[in-house]
Amino acid sequence: MAARPSAPPSPQARRQAQLQALQAALAARDPISMQRLMGQWVHRHGVSSLDALATELFAAEPEGWAWWQNAAQQSVPVQSSPPEPIHVDPVAAPVPQSKVQTLAPLRRIEPQLPRATRPAPAPSHPALVQLRSWLPDQESRRAA
C-alpha cells in the first residue's frame, strides 16, 4: 500500500520558516539572500507587512538589522531631488568638429506575414456543407 503524502505546511508554518531563513541570512550577513528573501516576503505578504517584519527582525537581531539597513541604503541610492542638468559653456569647451558624427535614420522594417497562395478549398463532404448552412453569414454578424 502506498504511503499517503504528508499534508502541505500551514500558512503559519511557511511564514515561520521564511522568518527563520531571514534571521539566518541576517546572522550570516548575506546581502544576496536577504534581498531575495525580502522580495519573497513582499510578494507573499505585501508591502504593508514590511513594518511588522522589520520590528520582528530588529527584536531578534538588532545588530544584524542595522547592518541590513546600512547595506540596503548603500546598494540602492535614494534620490530625493531630480539630478542637476549639466551645463557646458560652448565657448569654454569647444567640441572638435572632426569627432561629431551624424547617424543615418533607421529604416522601418515592416513585418512580413505569410501570404496564402490560393484560397482555402471549399468543403467537400455534403454533411459539412449542410451543417455550415446553419451558421449565420457575414452580413447577419455585422447587423448584430
N, C-alpha and C. Protein backbone atom coordinates (compact mmCIF):
# COMPACT_ATOMS: atom_id res chain seq x y z
N MET A 1 0.84 -1.16 0.00
CA MET A 1 0.00 0.00 0.00
C MET A 1 0.90 1.24 0.00
N ALA A 2 0.57 2.22 -0.85
CA ALA A 2 1.39 3.42 -0.97
C ALA A 2 1.16 4.33 0.23
N ALA A 3 2.23 4.95 0.66
CA ALA A 3 2.13 5.87 1.80
C ALA A 3 1.46 7.16 1.35
N ARG A 4 0.62 7.67 2.17
CA ARG A 4 -0.09 8.91 1.87
C ARG A 4 0.89 10.07 2.00
N PRO A 5 0.89 10.97 1.02
CA PRO A 5 1.83 12.10 1.13
C PRO A 5 1.45 12.99 2.30
N SER A 6 2.47 13.60 2.87
CA SER A 6 2.21 14.45 4.03
C SER A 6 1.49 15.72 3.59
N ALA A 7 0.74 16.27 4.49
CA ALA A 7 -0.02 17.48 4.21
C ALA A 7 0.94 18.65 4.03
N PRO A 8 0.59 19.59 3.16
CA PRO A 8 1.47 20.75 2.99
C PRO A 8 1.50 21.58 4.28
N PRO A 9 2.59 22.29 4.51
CA PRO A 9 2.67 23.07 5.75
C PRO A 9 1.62 24.17 5.76
N SER A 10 1.20 24.52 6.94
CA SER A 10 0.19 25.56 7.09
C SER A 10 0.79 26.92 6.72
N PRO A 11 -0.05 27.91 6.44
CA PRO A 11 0.48 29.25 6.15
C PRO A 11 1.33 29.80 7.30
N GLN A 12 0.93 29.52 8.53
CA GLN A 12 1.71 29.98 9.67
C GLN A 12 3.08 29.31 9.71
N ALA A 13 3.13 28.01 9.38
CA ALA A 13 4.41 27.29 9.36
C ALA A 13 5.31 27.82 8.25
N ARG A 14 4.72 28.14 7.08
CA ARG A 14 5.51 28.70 5.98
C ARG A 14 6.06 30.08 6.36
N ARG A 15 5.22 30.89 7.01
CA ARG A 15 5.65 32.21 7.44
C ARG A 15 6.80 32.10 8.44
N GLN A 16 6.66 31.18 9.39
CA GLN A 16 7.69 30.98 10.40
C GLN A 16 9.00 30.49 9.77
N ALA A 17 8.92 29.61 8.79
CA ALA A 17 10.13 29.11 8.12
C ALA A 17 10.81 30.24 7.35
N GLN A 18 10.03 31.10 6.72
CA GLN A 18 10.63 32.21 5.99
C GLN A 18 11.25 33.22 6.95
N LEU A 19 10.62 33.45 8.08
CA LEU A 19 11.16 34.34 9.09
C LEU A 19 12.49 33.80 9.63
N GLN A 20 12.55 32.49 9.85
CA GLN A 20 13.80 31.88 10.31
C GLN A 20 14.89 31.99 9.26
N ALA A 21 14.52 31.85 7.99
CA ALA A 21 15.51 32.00 6.92
C ALA A 21 16.03 33.43 6.87
N LEU A 22 15.14 34.41 7.06
CA LEU A 22 15.58 35.81 7.11
C LEU A 22 16.51 36.05 8.29
N GLN A 23 16.20 35.49 9.45
CA GLN A 23 17.05 35.66 10.62
C GLN A 23 18.42 35.01 10.40
N ALA A 24 18.45 33.87 9.73
CA ALA A 24 19.72 33.20 9.43
C ALA A 24 20.54 34.03 8.45
N ALA A 25 19.89 34.62 7.46
CA ALA A 25 20.61 35.47 6.50
C ALA A 25 21.15 36.72 7.18
N LEU A 26 20.38 37.26 8.14
CA LEU A 26 20.88 38.41 8.92
C LEU A 26 22.09 38.02 9.75
N ALA A 27 22.02 36.86 10.39
CA ALA A 27 23.14 36.41 11.23
C ALA A 27 24.39 36.17 10.39
N ALA A 28 24.19 35.67 9.17
CA ALA A 28 25.33 35.40 8.29
C ALA A 28 25.79 36.64 7.53
N ARG A 29 25.02 37.74 7.64
CA ARG A 29 25.32 38.98 6.90
C ARG A 29 25.43 38.72 5.40
N ASP A 30 24.44 38.01 4.89
CA ASP A 30 24.41 37.63 3.47
C ASP A 30 23.44 38.57 2.74
N PRO A 31 23.96 39.58 2.02
CA PRO A 31 23.07 40.55 1.39
C PRO A 31 22.25 39.97 0.24
N ILE A 32 22.81 39.01 -0.48
CA ILE A 32 22.08 38.42 -1.62
C ILE A 32 20.88 37.63 -1.12
N SER A 33 21.09 36.83 -0.08
CA SER A 33 19.98 36.07 0.48
C SER A 33 18.94 36.99 1.10
N MET A 34 19.39 38.03 1.77
CA MET A 34 18.45 38.97 2.37
C MET A 34 17.58 39.63 1.31
N GLN A 35 18.20 40.05 0.23
CA GLN A 35 17.44 40.71 -0.82
C GLN A 35 16.42 39.75 -1.44
N ARG A 36 16.84 38.51 -1.69
CA ARG A 36 15.94 37.51 -2.26
C ARG A 36 14.80 37.20 -1.31
N LEU A 37 15.12 36.99 -0.04
CA LEU A 37 14.09 36.64 0.94
C LEU A 37 13.14 37.81 1.21
N MET A 38 13.66 39.03 1.22
CA MET A 38 12.79 40.19 1.41
C MET A 38 11.84 40.34 0.21
N GLY A 39 12.35 40.08 -0.98
CA GLY A 39 11.48 40.13 -2.16
C GLY A 39 10.38 39.08 -2.10
N GLN A 40 10.73 37.88 -1.65
CA GLN A 40 9.72 36.83 -1.48
C GLN A 40 8.69 37.23 -0.42
N TRP A 41 9.17 37.84 0.65
CA TRP A 41 8.26 38.26 1.72
C TRP A 41 7.24 39.27 1.18
N VAL A 42 7.73 40.26 0.44
CA VAL A 42 6.83 41.28 -0.11
C VAL A 42 5.87 40.64 -1.10
N HIS A 43 6.36 39.70 -1.89
CA HIS A 43 5.50 39.03 -2.86
C HIS A 43 4.38 38.26 -2.17
N ARG A 44 4.69 37.61 -1.08
CA ARG A 44 3.71 36.76 -0.40
C ARG A 44 2.82 37.51 0.58
N HIS A 45 3.38 38.53 1.26
CA HIS A 45 2.64 39.18 2.33
C HIS A 45 2.29 40.63 2.05
N GLY A 46 2.90 41.23 1.03
CA GLY A 46 2.59 42.61 0.68
C GLY A 46 3.55 43.60 1.31
N VAL A 47 3.60 44.79 0.71
CA VAL A 47 4.50 45.84 1.18
C VAL A 47 4.07 46.33 2.56
N SER A 48 2.77 46.31 2.82
CA SER A 48 2.28 46.81 4.10
C SER A 48 2.77 45.98 5.29
N SER A 49 3.22 44.76 5.04
CA SER A 49 3.69 43.91 6.15
C SER A 49 5.16 44.13 6.46
N LEU A 50 5.85 44.99 5.72
CA LEU A 50 7.28 45.19 5.95
C LEU A 50 7.58 45.84 7.30
N ASP A 51 6.72 46.74 7.75
CA ASP A 51 6.96 47.39 9.05
C ASP A 51 6.94 46.37 10.19
N ALA A 52 5.96 45.49 10.16
CA ALA A 52 5.88 44.45 11.20
C ALA A 52 7.07 43.51 11.12
N LEU A 53 7.48 43.17 9.88
CA LEU A 53 8.64 42.30 9.70
C LEU A 53 9.90 42.98 10.23
N ALA A 54 10.07 44.26 9.94
CA ALA A 54 11.25 44.99 10.41
C ALA A 54 11.30 45.01 11.93
N THR A 55 10.16 45.22 12.55
CA THR A 55 10.11 45.22 14.02
C THR A 55 10.49 43.86 14.58
N GLU A 56 9.99 42.81 13.94
CA GLU A 56 10.28 41.45 14.41
C GLU A 56 11.75 41.09 14.21
N LEU A 57 12.31 41.45 13.06
CA LEU A 57 13.72 41.14 12.81
C LEU A 57 14.63 41.99 13.70
N PHE A 58 14.25 43.24 13.95
CA PHE A 58 15.04 44.10 14.82
C PHE A 58 15.05 43.55 16.25
N ALA A 59 13.90 43.04 16.70
CA ALA A 59 13.82 42.47 18.04
C ALA A 59 14.68 41.21 18.15
N ALA A 60 14.73 40.41 17.07
CA ALA A 60 15.50 39.17 17.09
C ALA A 60 17.00 39.44 17.00
N GLU A 61 17.40 40.38 16.17
CA GLU A 61 18.83 40.64 15.98
C GLU A 61 19.05 42.10 15.62
N PRO A 62 19.22 42.97 16.61
CA PRO A 62 19.35 44.40 16.34
C PRO A 62 20.58 44.77 15.51
N GLU A 63 21.73 44.13 15.79
CA GLU A 63 22.94 44.45 15.04
C GLU A 63 22.80 44.03 13.58
N GLY A 64 22.23 42.86 13.38
CA GLY A 64 22.04 42.39 12.01
C GLY A 64 21.08 43.27 11.24
N TRP A 65 20.00 43.73 11.88
CA TRP A 65 19.05 44.59 11.20
C TRP A 65 19.70 45.95 10.87
N ALA A 66 20.53 46.47 11.77
CA ALA A 66 21.24 47.71 11.49
C ALA A 66 22.19 47.52 10.30
N TRP A 67 22.86 46.37 10.25
CA TRP A 67 23.73 46.08 9.10
C TRP A 67 22.92 46.06 7.82
N TRP A 68 21.75 45.40 7.84
CA TRP A 68 20.94 45.29 6.63
C TRP A 68 20.44 46.67 6.19
N GLN A 69 20.03 47.50 7.12
CA GLN A 69 19.57 48.84 6.77
C GLN A 69 20.69 49.62 6.10
N ASN A 70 21.90 49.50 6.64
CA ASN A 70 23.05 50.19 6.07
C ASN A 70 23.38 49.64 4.69
N ALA A 71 23.37 48.32 4.53
CA ALA A 71 23.68 47.68 3.25
C ALA A 71 22.62 48.02 2.21
N ALA A 72 21.36 48.06 2.62
CA ALA A 72 20.28 48.36 1.67
C ALA A 72 20.37 49.81 1.21
N GLN A 73 20.75 50.72 2.08
CA GLN A 73 20.86 52.12 1.69
C GLN A 73 22.05 52.35 0.77
N GLN A 74 23.12 51.59 0.95
CA GLN A 74 24.28 51.76 0.10
C GLN A 74 24.09 51.14 -1.27
N SER A 75 23.35 50.03 -1.35
CA SER A 75 23.19 49.37 -2.64
C SER A 75 22.11 50.01 -3.49
N VAL A 76 21.11 50.64 -2.88
CA VAL A 76 20.04 51.29 -3.63
C VAL A 76 20.06 52.77 -3.26
N PRO A 77 20.71 53.60 -4.08
CA PRO A 77 20.75 55.02 -3.74
C PRO A 77 19.37 55.65 -3.88
N VAL A 78 18.98 56.39 -2.87
CA VAL A 78 17.70 57.07 -2.89
C VAL A 78 17.95 58.48 -3.38
N GLN A 79 17.21 58.90 -4.38
CA GLN A 79 17.40 60.21 -4.97
C GLN A 79 16.19 61.05 -4.61
N SER A 80 16.39 62.03 -3.73
CA SER A 80 15.27 62.82 -3.26
C SER A 80 14.92 63.96 -4.21
N SER A 81 15.88 64.44 -4.96
CA SER A 81 15.60 65.52 -5.89
C SER A 81 16.07 65.12 -7.28
N PRO A 82 15.52 65.74 -8.32
CA PRO A 82 15.96 65.39 -9.66
C PRO A 82 17.41 65.80 -9.86
N PRO A 83 18.13 65.11 -10.72
CA PRO A 83 19.54 65.44 -10.92
C PRO A 83 19.69 66.82 -11.56
N GLU A 84 20.76 67.47 -11.20
CA GLU A 84 21.05 68.79 -11.76
C GLU A 84 21.46 68.63 -13.22
N PRO A 85 20.95 69.47 -14.12
CA PRO A 85 21.39 69.39 -15.50
C PRO A 85 22.84 69.85 -15.62
N ILE A 86 23.56 69.22 -16.48
CA ILE A 86 24.96 69.57 -16.69
C ILE A 86 25.00 70.72 -17.69
N HIS A 87 25.62 71.82 -17.26
CA HIS A 87 25.72 72.98 -18.14
C HIS A 87 27.15 73.09 -18.63
N VAL A 88 27.30 73.10 -19.93
CA VAL A 88 28.61 73.23 -20.53
C VAL A 88 28.63 74.53 -21.32
N ASP A 89 29.60 75.36 -21.03
CA ASP A 89 29.73 76.62 -21.75
C ASP A 89 30.34 76.33 -23.11
N PRO A 90 29.62 76.62 -24.21
CA PRO A 90 30.16 76.28 -25.53
C PRO A 90 31.42 77.04 -25.88
N VAL A 91 31.63 78.21 -25.29
CA VAL A 91 32.84 78.97 -25.59
C VAL A 91 34.03 78.39 -24.85
N ALA A 92 33.82 77.96 -23.62
CA ALA A 92 34.92 77.45 -22.81
C ALA A 92 35.37 76.06 -23.26
N ALA A 93 34.45 75.23 -23.74
CA ALA A 93 34.80 73.87 -24.13
C ALA A 93 34.26 73.60 -25.53
N PRO A 94 35.00 74.00 -26.56
CA PRO A 94 34.51 73.74 -27.92
C PRO A 94 34.59 72.26 -28.26
N VAL A 95 33.63 71.81 -29.03
CA VAL A 95 33.60 70.41 -29.45
C VAL A 95 34.33 70.31 -30.78
N PRO A 96 35.34 69.44 -30.89
CA PRO A 96 36.02 69.30 -32.18
C PRO A 96 35.04 68.78 -33.23
N GLN A 97 35.02 69.41 -34.38
CA GLN A 97 34.08 69.05 -35.43
C GLN A 97 34.41 67.71 -36.08
N SER A 98 35.65 67.28 -35.98
CA SER A 98 36.02 66.02 -36.63
C SER A 98 35.43 64.82 -35.91
N LYS A 99 35.06 64.96 -34.64
CA LYS A 99 34.56 63.82 -33.89
C LYS A 99 33.04 63.72 -33.88
N VAL A 100 32.36 64.70 -34.43
CA VAL A 100 30.91 64.68 -34.45
C VAL A 100 30.45 63.86 -35.64
N GLN A 101 29.60 62.88 -35.38
CA GLN A 101 29.09 62.04 -36.46
C GLN A 101 27.58 62.18 -36.52
N THR A 102 27.08 62.17 -37.74
CA THR A 102 25.64 62.20 -37.93
C THR A 102 25.19 60.79 -38.24
N LEU A 103 24.20 60.35 -37.50
CA LEU A 103 23.69 59.00 -37.71
C LEU A 103 22.57 59.03 -38.73
N ALA A 104 22.58 58.06 -39.60
CA ALA A 104 21.52 57.95 -40.59
C ALA A 104 20.27 57.42 -39.92
N PRO A 105 19.10 57.89 -40.35
CA PRO A 105 17.87 57.37 -39.74
C PRO A 105 17.70 55.89 -40.05
N LEU A 106 17.13 55.19 -39.10
CA LEU A 106 16.90 53.77 -39.29
C LEU A 106 15.71 53.56 -40.21
N ARG A 107 15.82 52.59 -41.08
CA ARG A 107 14.69 52.32 -41.96
C ARG A 107 13.72 51.41 -41.23
N ARG A 108 12.47 51.63 -41.51
CA ARG A 108 11.43 50.86 -40.82
C ARG A 108 11.28 49.50 -41.48
N ILE A 109 11.23 48.49 -40.66
CA ILE A 109 11.08 47.14 -41.17
C ILE A 109 9.62 46.74 -40.96
N GLU A 110 8.95 46.46 -42.05
CA GLU A 110 7.56 46.03 -41.98
C GLU A 110 7.52 44.53 -41.73
N PRO A 111 6.60 44.08 -40.89
CA PRO A 111 6.52 42.63 -40.65
C PRO A 111 6.05 41.91 -41.90
N GLN A 112 6.67 40.81 -42.16
CA GLN A 112 6.31 40.00 -43.33
C GLN A 112 5.43 38.86 -42.86
N LEU A 113 4.17 38.94 -43.21
CA LEU A 113 3.24 37.89 -42.85
C LEU A 113 3.16 36.88 -43.98
N PRO A 114 2.96 35.62 -43.65
CA PRO A 114 2.86 34.63 -44.72
C PRO A 114 1.59 34.89 -45.54
N ARG A 115 1.73 34.79 -46.85
CA ARG A 115 0.60 35.02 -47.73
C ARG A 115 0.11 33.69 -48.30
N ALA A 116 -1.19 33.58 -48.37
CA ALA A 116 -1.76 32.36 -48.93
C ALA A 116 -1.59 32.39 -50.44
N THR A 117 -1.18 31.26 -50.99
CA THR A 117 -1.00 31.21 -52.44
C THR A 117 -2.32 31.00 -53.16
N ARG A 118 -3.29 30.45 -52.46
CA ARG A 118 -4.61 30.24 -53.05
C ARG A 118 -5.64 30.22 -51.92
N PRO A 119 -6.90 30.45 -52.22
CA PRO A 119 -7.91 30.44 -51.17
C PRO A 119 -8.11 29.02 -50.62
N ALA A 120 -8.67 28.98 -49.46
CA ALA A 120 -8.93 27.68 -48.83
C ALA A 120 -9.95 26.91 -49.66
N PRO A 121 -9.78 25.61 -49.77
CA PRO A 121 -10.72 24.83 -50.59
C PRO A 121 -12.09 24.75 -49.93
N ALA A 122 -13.11 24.64 -50.76
CA ALA A 122 -14.48 24.52 -50.26
C ALA A 122 -14.63 23.14 -49.62
N PRO A 123 -15.56 23.03 -48.63
CA PRO A 123 -15.75 21.72 -48.00
C PRO A 123 -16.27 20.72 -49.01
N SER A 124 -15.73 19.54 -48.94
CA SER A 124 -16.09 18.55 -49.94
C SER A 124 -17.17 17.59 -49.44
N HIS A 125 -17.33 17.45 -48.17
CA HIS A 125 -18.30 16.50 -47.64
C HIS A 125 -19.68 17.16 -47.57
N PRO A 126 -20.73 16.54 -48.10
CA PRO A 126 -22.06 17.16 -48.11
C PRO A 126 -22.62 17.43 -46.71
N ALA A 127 -22.31 16.57 -45.74
CA ALA A 127 -22.82 16.79 -44.39
C ALA A 127 -22.23 18.06 -43.79
N LEU A 128 -20.95 18.34 -44.10
CA LEU A 128 -20.31 19.54 -43.61
C LEU A 128 -20.93 20.78 -44.24
N VAL A 129 -21.27 20.69 -45.52
CA VAL A 129 -21.94 21.80 -46.20
C VAL A 129 -23.29 22.07 -45.55
N GLN A 130 -24.01 21.02 -45.22
CA GLN A 130 -25.32 21.18 -44.61
C GLN A 130 -25.19 21.80 -43.20
N LEU A 131 -24.20 21.37 -42.45
CA LEU A 131 -24.01 21.95 -41.12
C LEU A 131 -23.61 23.42 -41.20
N ARG A 132 -22.76 23.75 -42.15
CA ARG A 132 -22.33 25.14 -42.29
C ARG A 132 -23.47 26.03 -42.76
N SER A 133 -24.46 25.47 -43.41
CA SER A 133 -25.58 26.29 -43.85
C SER A 133 -26.36 26.84 -42.66
N TRP A 134 -26.24 26.23 -41.51
CA TRP A 134 -26.94 26.70 -40.32
C TRP A 134 -26.21 27.87 -39.67
N LEU A 135 -24.94 28.06 -39.99
CA LEU A 135 -24.19 29.17 -39.41
C LEU A 135 -24.63 30.48 -40.03
N PRO A 136 -24.63 31.57 -39.26
CA PRO A 136 -25.01 32.86 -39.84
C PRO A 136 -23.93 33.34 -40.80
N ASP A 137 -24.35 34.06 -41.82
CA ASP A 137 -23.38 34.57 -42.79
C ASP A 137 -22.78 35.88 -42.27
N GLN A 138 -21.87 36.48 -43.01
CA GLN A 138 -21.16 37.68 -42.59
C GLN A 138 -22.10 38.85 -42.35
N GLU A 139 -23.12 39.06 -43.21
CA GLU A 139 -23.99 40.23 -43.06
C GLU A 139 -24.79 40.16 -41.77
N SER A 140 -25.26 38.99 -41.39
CA SER A 140 -26.07 38.90 -40.18
C SER A 140 -25.19 39.10 -38.93
N ARG A 141 -23.89 38.79 -39.01
CA ARG A 141 -23.00 39.03 -37.86
C ARG A 141 -22.77 40.52 -37.69
N ARG A 142 -22.63 41.24 -38.81
CA ARG A 142 -22.40 42.68 -38.71
C ARG A 142 -23.63 43.40 -38.19
N ALA A 143 -24.81 42.91 -38.56
CA ALA A 143 -26.04 43.57 -38.13
C ALA A 143 -26.26 43.44 -36.64
N ALA A 144 -25.74 42.40 -36.06
CA ALA A 144 -25.95 42.18 -34.63
C ALA A 144 -25.05 43.07 -33.89
